[in-house]
Amino acid sequence: MNDGSEDSRDPKPPFVPVCGIGASAGGVATLQNLFRLIPDDLDLAYVVILHLSPDYPSALSEIISACTRMPVLQVEDGPT
């Protein structure tokens, strides 16, 4: 019987606020400083968008990982 209450078998996904950060290729040092200062317990997801050359590998995720205890993942454009 459905009494109009929420179905406990279909819980809502958790709400995670997202902070978007954009920088030019010259902004890596600023990103390092920023992630050194951001507390890692704010319960925010950070999306960093940076123009990178598709012709060269990027070490940005390793560079940012060295500045924070938060997990850092790099995504790439293209089919999944």
PDB file of N, CA and C in Angstrom:
ATOM      1  N   MET A   1       0.850  -1.168   0.000  1.00  0.00           N
ATOM      2  CA  MET A   1       0.000   0.000   0.000  1.00  0.00           C
ATOM      3  C   MET A   1       0.897   1.233   0.000  1.00  0.00           C
ATOM      4  N   ASN A   2       0.524   2.215  -0.809  1.00  0.00           N
ATOM      5  CA  ASN A   2       1.294   3.441  -0.919  1.00  0.00           C
ATOM      6  C   ASN A   2       0.555   4.550  -0.201  1.00  0.00           C
ATOM      7  N   ASP A   3       1.168   5.063   0.868  1.00  0.00           N
ATOM      8  CA  ASP A   3       0.519   6.129   1.637  1.00  0.00           C
ATOM      9  C   ASP A   3       1.033   7.512   1.261  1.00  0.00           C
ATOM     10  N   GLY A   4       1.823   7.606   0.171  1.00  0.00           N
ATOM     11  CA  GLY A   4       2.327   8.896  -0.273  1.00  0.00           C
ATOM     12  C   GLY A   4       3.670   9.255   0.317  1.00  0.00           C
ATOM     13  N   SER A   5       4.145   8.481   1.283  1.00  0.00           N
ATOM     14  CA  SER A   5       5.465   8.773   1.843  1.00  0.00           C
ATOM     15  C   SER A   5       6.541   8.291   0.881  1.00  0.00           C
ATOM     16  N   GLU A   6       7.751   8.804   1.079  1.00  0.00           N
ATOM     17  CA  GLU A   6       8.845   8.428   0.195  1.00  0.00           C
ATOM     18  C   GLU A   6       9.153   6.948   0.343  1.00  0.00           C
ATOM     19  N   ASP A   7       9.506   6.331  -0.747  1.00  0.00           N
ATOM     20  CA  ASP A   7       9.866   4.929  -0.757  1.00  0.00           C
ATOM     21  C   ASP A   7      11.300   4.801  -0.249  1.00  0.00           C
ATOM     22  N   SER A   8      11.499   4.106   0.853  1.00  0.00           N
ATOM     23  CA  SER A   8      12.830   3.980   1.433  1.00  0.00           C
ATOM     24  C   SER A   8      13.745   3.112   0.580  1.00  0.00           C
ATOM     25  N   ARG A   9      13.197   2.373  -0.377  1.00  0.00           N
ATOM     26  CA  ARG A   9      14.020   1.548  -1.264  1.00  0.00           C
ATOM     27  C   ARG A   9      14.634   2.371  -2.383  1.00  0.00           C
ATOM     28  N   ASP A  10      14.209   3.599  -2.570  1.00  0.00           N
ATOM     29  CA  ASP A  10      14.717   4.456  -3.636  1.00  0.00           C
ATOM     30  C   ASP A  10      15.204   5.775  -3.028  1.00  0.00           C
ATOM     31  N   PRO A  11      16.303   5.714  -2.259  1.00  0.00           N
ATOM     32  CA  PRO A  11      16.765   6.946  -1.606  1.00  0.00           C
ATOM     33  C   PRO A  11      17.322   7.938  -2.618  1.00  0.00           C
ATOM     34  N   LYS A  12      17.221   9.203  -2.253  1.00  0.00           N
ATOM     35  CA  LYS A  12      17.787  10.247  -3.102  1.00  0.00           C
ATOM     36  C   LYS A  12      19.307  10.187  -3.002  1.00  0.00           C
ATOM     37  N   PRO A  13      19.995  10.467  -4.103  1.00  0.00           N
ATOM     38  CA  PRO A  13      21.458  10.499  -4.020  1.00  0.00           C
ATOM     39  C   PRO A  13      21.897  11.659  -3.141  1.00  0.00           C
ATOM     40  N   PRO A  14      23.078  11.546  -2.531  1.00  0.00           N
ATOM     41  CA  PRO A  14      23.538  12.643  -1.675  1.00  0.00           C
ATOM     42  C   PRO A  14      23.797  13.901  -2.488  1.00  0.00           C
ATOM     43  N   PHE A  15      23.540  15.034  -1.874  1.00  0.00           N
ATOM     44  CA  PHE A  15      23.783  16.327  -2.507  1.00  0.00           C
ATOM     45  C   PHE A  15      25.237  16.698  -2.270  1.00  0.00           C
ATOM     46  N   VAL A  16      25.967  16.959  -3.339  1.00  0.00           N
ATOM     47  CA  VAL A  16      27.371  17.359  -3.228  1.00  0.00           C
ATOM     48  C   VAL A  16      27.544  18.680  -3.961  1.00  0.00           C
ATOM     49  N   PRO A  17      27.810  19.762  -3.244  1.00  0.00           N
ATOM     50  CA  PRO A  17      28.060  21.037  -3.917  1.00  0.00           C
ATOM     51  C   PRO A  17      29.339  20.952  -4.750  1.00  0.00           C
ATOM     52  N   VAL A  18      29.338  21.651  -5.876  1.00  0.00           N
ATOM     53  CA  VAL A  18      30.483  21.641  -6.781  1.00  0.00           C
ATOM     54  C   VAL A  18      31.003  23.063  -6.941  1.00  0.00           C
ATOM     55  N   CYS A  19      32.311  23.219  -6.841  1.00  0.00           N
ATOM     56  CA  CYS A  19      32.975  24.501  -7.052  1.00  0.00           C
ATOM     57  C   CYS A  19      33.764  24.396  -8.352  1.00  0.00           C
ATOM     58  N   GLY A  20      33.446  25.237  -9.325  1.00  0.00           N
ATOM     59  CA  GLY A  20      34.161  25.239 -10.599  1.00  0.00           C
ATOM     60  C   GLY A  20      35.278  26.271 -10.589  1.00  0.00           C
ATOM     61  N   ILE A  21      36.450  25.867 -11.064  1.00  0.00           N
ATOM     62  CA  ILE A  21      37.620  26.746 -11.094  1.00  0.00           C
ATOM     63  C   ILE A  21      38.206  26.691 -12.497  1.00  0.00           C
ATOM     64  N   GLY A  22      38.377  27.838 -13.121  1.00  0.00           N
ATOM     65  CA  GLY A  22      38.989  27.896 -14.441  1.00  0.00           C
ATOM     66  C   GLY A  22      40.294  28.667 -14.379  1.00  0.00           C
ATOM     67  N   ALA A  23      41.255  28.245 -15.186  1.00  0.00           N
ATOM     68  CA  ALA A  23      42.546  28.930 -15.215  1.00  0.00           C
ATOM     69  C   ALA A  23      43.173  28.741 -16.587  1.00  0.00           C
ATOM     70  N   SER A  24      44.088  29.634 -16.908  1.00  0.00           N
ATOM     71  CA  SER A  24      44.860  29.465 -18.139  1.00  0.00           C
ATOM     72  C   SER A  24      46.011  28.514 -17.836  1.00  0.00           C
ATOM     73  N   ALA A  25      46.736  28.131 -18.864  1.00  0.00           N
ATOM     74  CA  ALA A  25      47.864  27.224 -18.666  1.00  0.00           C
ATOM     75  C   ALA A  25      48.902  27.823 -17.722  1.00  0.00           C
ATOM     76  N   GLY A  26      48.955  29.137 -17.618  1.00  0.00           N
ATOM     77  CA  GLY A  26      49.889  29.792 -16.709  1.00  0.00           C
ATOM     78  C   GLY A  26      49.405  29.856 -15.274  1.00  0.00           C
ATOM     79  N   GLY A  27      48.240  29.285 -14.983  1.00  0.00           N
ATOM     80  CA  GLY A  27      47.662  29.375 -13.649  1.00  0.00           C
ATOM     81  C   GLY A  27      47.981  28.220 -12.726  1.00  0.00           C
ATOM     82  N   VAL A  28      48.916  27.360 -13.100  1.00  0.00           N
ATOM     83  CA  VAL A  28      49.202  26.177 -12.289  1.00  0.00           C
ATOM     84  C   VAL A  28      49.720  26.558 -10.900  1.00  0.00           C
ATOM     85  N   ALA A  29      50.611  27.528 -10.810  1.00  0.00           N
ATOM     86  CA  ALA A  29      51.142  27.941  -9.503  1.00  0.00           C
ATOM     87  C   ALA A  29      50.023  28.476  -8.606  1.00  0.00           C
ATOM     88  N   THR A  30      49.097  29.204  -9.190  1.00  0.00           N
ATOM     89  CA  THR A  30      47.960  29.717  -8.419  1.00  0.00           C
ATOM     90  C   THR A  30      47.083  28.569  -7.939  1.00  0.00           C
ATOM     91  N   LEU A  31      46.864  27.565  -8.788  1.00  0.00           N
ATOM     92  CA  LEU A  31      46.091  26.391  -8.376  1.00  0.00           C
ATOM     93  C   LEU A  31      46.790  25.656  -7.233  1.00  0.00           C
ATOM     94  N   GLN A  32      48.101  25.539  -7.311  1.00  0.00           N
ATOM     95  CA  GLN A  32      48.849  24.901  -6.226  1.00  0.00           C
ATOM     96  C   GLN A  32      48.632  25.656  -4.915  1.00  0.00           C
ATOM     97  N   ASN A  33      48.760  26.963  -4.950  1.00  0.00           N
ATOM     98  CA  ASN A  33      48.549  27.767  -3.741  1.00  0.00           C
ATOM     99  C   ASN A  33      47.130  27.623  -3.227  1.00  0.00           C
ATOM    100  N   LEU A  34      46.162  27.648  -4.118  1.00  0.00           N
ATOM    101  CA  LEU A  34      44.762  27.518  -3.731  1.00  0.00           C
ATOM    102  C   LEU A  34      44.507  26.192  -3.025  1.00  0.00           C
ATOM    103  N   PHE A  35      44.970  25.085  -3.617  1.00  0.00           N
ATOM    104  CA  PHE A  35      44.694  23.778  -3.021  1.00  0.00           C
ATOM    105  C   PHE A  35      45.507  23.523  -1.755  1.00  0.00           C
ATOM    106  N   ARG A  36      46.588  24.235  -1.565  1.00  0.00           N
ATOM    107  CA  ARG A  36      47.300  24.161  -0.278  1.00  0.00           C
ATOM    108  C   ARG A  36      46.474  24.813   0.834  1.00  0.00           C
ATOM    109  N   LEU A  37      45.687  25.821   0.478  1.00  0.00           N
ATOM    110  CA  LEU A  37      44.925  26.586   1.468  1.00  0.00           C
ATOM    111  C   LEU A  37      43.520  26.050   1.720  1.00  0.00           C
ATOM    112  N   ILE A  38      42.956  25.293   0.781  1.00  0.00           N
ATOM    113  CA  ILE A  38      41.585  24.800   0.935  1.00  0.00           C
ATOM    114  C   ILE A  38      41.569  23.644   1.939  1.00  0.00           C
ATOM    115  N   PRO A  39      40.767  23.746   3.001  1.00  0.00           N
ATOM    116  CA  PRO A  39      40.630  22.607   3.917  1.00  0.00           C
ATOM    117  C   PRO A  39      40.043  21.408   3.173  1.00  0.00           C
ATOM    118  N   ASP A  40      40.507  20.218   3.508  1.00  0.00           N
ATOM    119  CA  ASP A  40      40.043  19.036   2.783  1.00  0.00           C
ATOM    120  C   ASP A  40      38.775  18.431   3.373  1.00  0.00           C
ATOM    121  N   ASP A  41      38.146  19.109   4.317  1.00  0.00           N
ATOM    122  CA  ASP A  41      36.939  18.573   4.945  1.00  0.00           C
ATOM    123  C   ASP A  41      35.706  19.457   4.715  1.00  0.00           C
ATOM    124  N   LEU A  42      35.675  20.195   3.628  1.00  0.00           N
ATOM    125  CA  LEU A  42      34.546  21.094   3.347  1.00  0.00           C
ATOM    126  C   LEU A  42      33.379  20.389   2.660  1.00  0.00           C
ATOM    127  N   ASP A  43      33.533  19.128   2.300  1.00  0.00           N
ATOM    128  CA  ASP A  43      32.483  18.371   1.605  1.00  0.00           C
ATOM    129  C   ASP A  43      32.051  19.049   0.312  1.00  0.00           C
ATOM    130  N   LEU A  44      33.021  19.501  -0.456  1.00  0.00           N
ATOM    131  CA  LEU A  44      32.798  20.093  -1.773  1.00  0.00           C
ATOM    132  C   LEU A  44      33.541  19.272  -2.814  1.00  0.00           C
ATOM    133  N   ALA A  45      33.004  19.247  -4.015  1.00  0.00           N
ATOM    134  CA  ALA A  45      33.732  18.697  -5.160  1.00  0.00           C
ATOM    135  C   ALA A  45      34.269  19.883  -5.952  1.00  0.00           C
ATOM    136  N   TYR A  46      35.504  19.803  -6.355  1.00  0.00           N
ATOM    137  CA  TYR A  46      36.130  20.873  -7.130  1.00  0.00           C
ATOM    138  C   TYR A  46      36.360  20.372  -8.547  1.00  0.00           C
ATOM    139  N   VAL A  47      35.958  21.173  -9.514  1.00  0.00           N
ATOM    140  CA  VAL A  47      36.203  20.870 -10.919  1.00  0.00           C
ATOM    141  C   VAL A  47      37.116  21.964 -11.440  1.00  0.00           C
ATOM    142  N   VAL A  48      38.308  21.574 -11.859  1.00  0.00           N
ATOM    143  CA  VAL A  48      39.291  22.523 -12.382  1.00  0.00           C
ATOM    144  C   VAL A  48      39.345  22.351 -13.892  1.00  0.00           C
ATOM    145  N   ILE A  49      39.128  23.439 -14.604  1.00  0.00           N
ATOM    146  CA  ILE A  49      39.178  23.412 -16.062  1.00  0.00           C
ATOM    147  C   ILE A  49      40.359  24.262 -16.491  1.00  0.00           C
ATOM    148  N   LEU A  50      41.266  23.623 -17.204  1.00  0.00           N
ATOM    149  CA  LEU A  50      42.506  24.266 -17.598  1.00  0.00           C
ATOM    150  C   LEU A  50      42.783  23.903 -19.047  1.00  0.00           C
ATOM    151  N   HIS A  51      43.171  24.871 -19.842  1.00  0.00           N
ATOM    152  CA  HIS A  51      43.502  24.587 -21.234  1.00  0.00           C
ATOM    153  C   HIS A  51      44.828  23.842 -21.270  1.00  0.00           C
ATOM    154  N   LEU A  52      44.802  22.637 -21.798  1.00  0.00           N
ATOM    155  CA  LEU A  52      46.005  21.824 -21.927  1.00  0.00           C
ATOM    156  C   LEU A  52      46.169  21.405 -23.377  1.00  0.00           C
ATOM    157  N   SER A  53      47.391  21.267 -23.810  1.00  0.00           N
ATOM    158  CA  SER A  53      47.656  20.824 -25.172  1.00  0.00           C
ATOM    159  C   SER A  53      47.341  19.336 -25.303  1.00  0.00           C
ATOM    160  N   PRO A  54      46.595  18.965 -26.335  1.00  0.00           N
ATOM    161  CA  PRO A  54      46.332  17.537 -26.543  1.00  0.00           C
ATOM    162  C   PRO A  54      47.567  16.797 -27.054  1.00  0.00           C
ATOM    163  N   ASP A  55      48.609  17.541 -27.425  1.00  0.00           N
ATOM    164  CA  ASP A  55      49.811  16.935 -27.997  1.00  0.00           C
ATOM    165  C   ASP A  55      50.834  16.500 -26.951  1.00  0.00           C
ATOM    166  N   TYR A  56      50.631  16.890 -25.695  1.00  0.00           N
ATOM    167  CA  TYR A  56      51.603  16.582 -24.650  1.00  0.00           C
ATOM    168  C   TYR A  56      50.884  16.000 -23.438  1.00  0.00           C
ATOM    169  N   PRO A  57      51.496  15.041 -22.765  1.00  0.00           N
ATOM    170  CA  PRO A  57      50.870  14.524 -21.538  1.00  0.00           C
ATOM    171  C   PRO A  57      50.875  15.597 -20.446  1.00  0.00           C
ATOM    172  N   SER A  58      49.909  15.522 -19.560  1.00  0.00           N
ATOM    173  CA  SER A  58      49.798  16.499 -18.479  1.00  0.00           C
ATOM    174  C   SER A  58      50.093  15.827 -17.141  1.00  0.00           C
ATOM    175  N   ALA A  59      50.792  16.533 -16.290  1.00  0.00           N
ATOM    176  CA  ALA A  59      51.059  16.066 -14.927  1.00  0.00           C
ATOM    177  C   ALA A  59      50.233  16.862 -13.920  1.00  0.00           C
ATOM    178  N   LEU A  60      49.188  17.544 -14.403  1.00  0.00           N
ATOM    179  CA  LEU A  60      48.419  18.426 -13.520  1.00  0.00           C
ATOM    180  C   LEU A  60      47.836  17.681 -12.325  1.00  0.00           C
ATOM    181  N   SER A  61      47.294  16.489 -12.530  1.00  0.00           N
ATOM    182  CA  SER A  61      46.708  15.771 -11.395  1.00  0.00           C
ATOM    183  C   SER A  61      47.767  15.441 -10.345  1.00  0.00           C
ATOM    184  N   GLU A  62      48.968  15.077 -10.770  1.00  0.00           N
ATOM    185  CA  GLU A  62      50.042  14.809  -9.817  1.00  0.00           C
ATOM    186  C   GLU A  62      50.482  16.089  -9.103  1.00  0.00           C
ATOM    187  N   ILE A  63      50.521  17.190  -9.833  1.00  0.00           N
ATOM    188  CA  ILE A  63      50.919  18.473  -9.245  1.00  0.00           C
ATOM    189  C   ILE A  63      49.921  18.901  -8.176  1.00  0.00           C
ATOM    190  N   ILE A  64      48.627  18.800  -8.484  1.00  0.00           N
ATOM    191  CA  ILE A  64      47.594  19.182  -7.512  1.00  0.00           C
ATOM    192  C   ILE A  64      47.560  18.188  -6.351  1.00  0.00           C
ATOM    193  N   SER A  65      47.749  16.900  -6.643  1.00  0.00           N
ATOM    194  CA  SER A  65      47.755  15.884  -5.579  1.00  0.00           C
ATOM    195  C   SER A  65      48.821  16.161  -4.530  1.00  0.00           C
ATOM    196  N   ALA A  66      49.924  16.749  -4.943  1.00  0.00           N
ATOM    197  CA  ALA A  66      51.002  17.063  -4.003  1.00  0.00           C
ATOM    198  C   ALA A  66      50.636  18.216  -3.071  1.00  0.00           C
ATOM    199  N   CYS A  67      49.529  18.903  -3.357  1.00  0.00           N
ATOM    200  CA  CYS A  67      49.137  20.088  -2.586  1.00  0.00           C
ATOM    201  C   CYS A  67      47.933  19.854  -1.686  1.00  0.00           C
ATOM    202  N   THR A  68      47.324  18.670  -1.741  1.00  0.00           N
ATOM    203  CA  THR A  68      46.106  18.417  -0.982  1.00  0.00           C
ATOM    204  C   THR A  68      46.004  16.941  -0.638  1.00  0.00           C
ATOM    205  N   ARG A  69      45.218  16.646   0.400  1.00  0.00           N
ATOM    206  CA  ARG A  69      44.931  15.243   0.731  1.00  0.00           C
ATOM    207  C   ARG A  69      43.662  14.765   0.035  1.00  0.00           C
ATOM    208  N   MET A  70      42.953  15.664  -0.642  1.00  0.00           N
ATOM    209  CA  MET A  70      41.751  15.266  -1.374  1.00  0.00           C
ATOM    210  C   MET A  70      42.151  14.410  -2.573  1.00  0.00           C
ATOM    211  N   PRO A  71      41.299  13.453  -2.962  1.00  0.00           N
ATOM    212  CA  PRO A  71      41.607  12.682  -4.171  1.00  0.00           C
ATOM    213  C   PRO A  71      41.526  13.575  -5.400  1.00  0.00           C
ATOM    214  N   VAL A  72      42.422  13.366  -6.336  1.00  0.00           N
ATOM    215  CA  VAL A  72      42.477  14.159  -7.565  1.00  0.00           C
ATOM    216  C   VAL A  72      42.413  13.210  -8.752  1.00  0.00           C
ATOM    217  N   LEU A  73      41.485  13.467  -9.654  1.00  0.00           N
ATOM    218  CA  LEU A  73      41.337  12.666 -10.866  1.00  0.00           C
ATOM    219  C   LEU A  73      41.395  13.574 -12.073  1.00  0.00           C
ATOM    220  N   GLN A  74      42.037  13.113 -13.124  1.00  0.00           N
ATOM    221  CA  GLN A  74      42.079  13.889 -14.368  1.00  0.00           C
ATOM    222  C   GLN A  74      41.191  13.201 -15.392  1.00  0.00           C
ATOM    223  N   VAL A  75      40.321  13.969 -16.013  1.00  0.00           N
ATOM    224  CA  VAL A  75      39.470  13.444 -17.074  1.00  0.00           C
ATOM    225  C   VAL A  75      39.965  13.986 -18.401  1.00  0.00           C
ATOM    226  N   GLU A  76      39.596  13.295 -19.461  1.00  0.00           N
ATOM    227  CA  GLU A  76      40.004  13.714 -20.793  1.00  0.00           C
ATOM    228  C   GLU A  76      38.789  13.816 -21.689  1.00  0.00           C
ATOM    229  N   ASP A  77      38.874  14.689 -22.660  1.00  0.00           N
ATOM    230  CA  ASP A  77      37.820  14.841 -23.646  1.00  0.00           C
ATOM    231  C   ASP A  77      37.831  13.623 -24.555  1.00  0.00           C
ATOM    232  N   GLY A  78      36.673  13.215 -24.968  1.00  0.00           N
ATOM    233  CA  GLY A  78      36.592  12.110 -25.910  1.00  0.00           C
ATOM    234  C   GLY A  78      35.529  11.115 -25.493  1.00  0.00           C
ATOM    235  N   PRO A  79      35.313  10.112 -26.325  1.00  0.00           N
ATOM    236  CA  PRO A  79      34.284   9.115 -26.012  1.00  0.00           C
ATOM    237  C   PRO A  79      34.679   8.284 -24.798  1.00  0.00           C
ATOM    238  N   THR A  80      33.666   7.845 -24.079  1.00  0.00           N
ATOM    239  CA  THR A  80      33.933   7.025 -22.893  1.00  0.00           C
ATOM    240  C   THR A  80      33.663   5.573 -23.159  1.00  0.00           C
TER     241      THR A  80
END
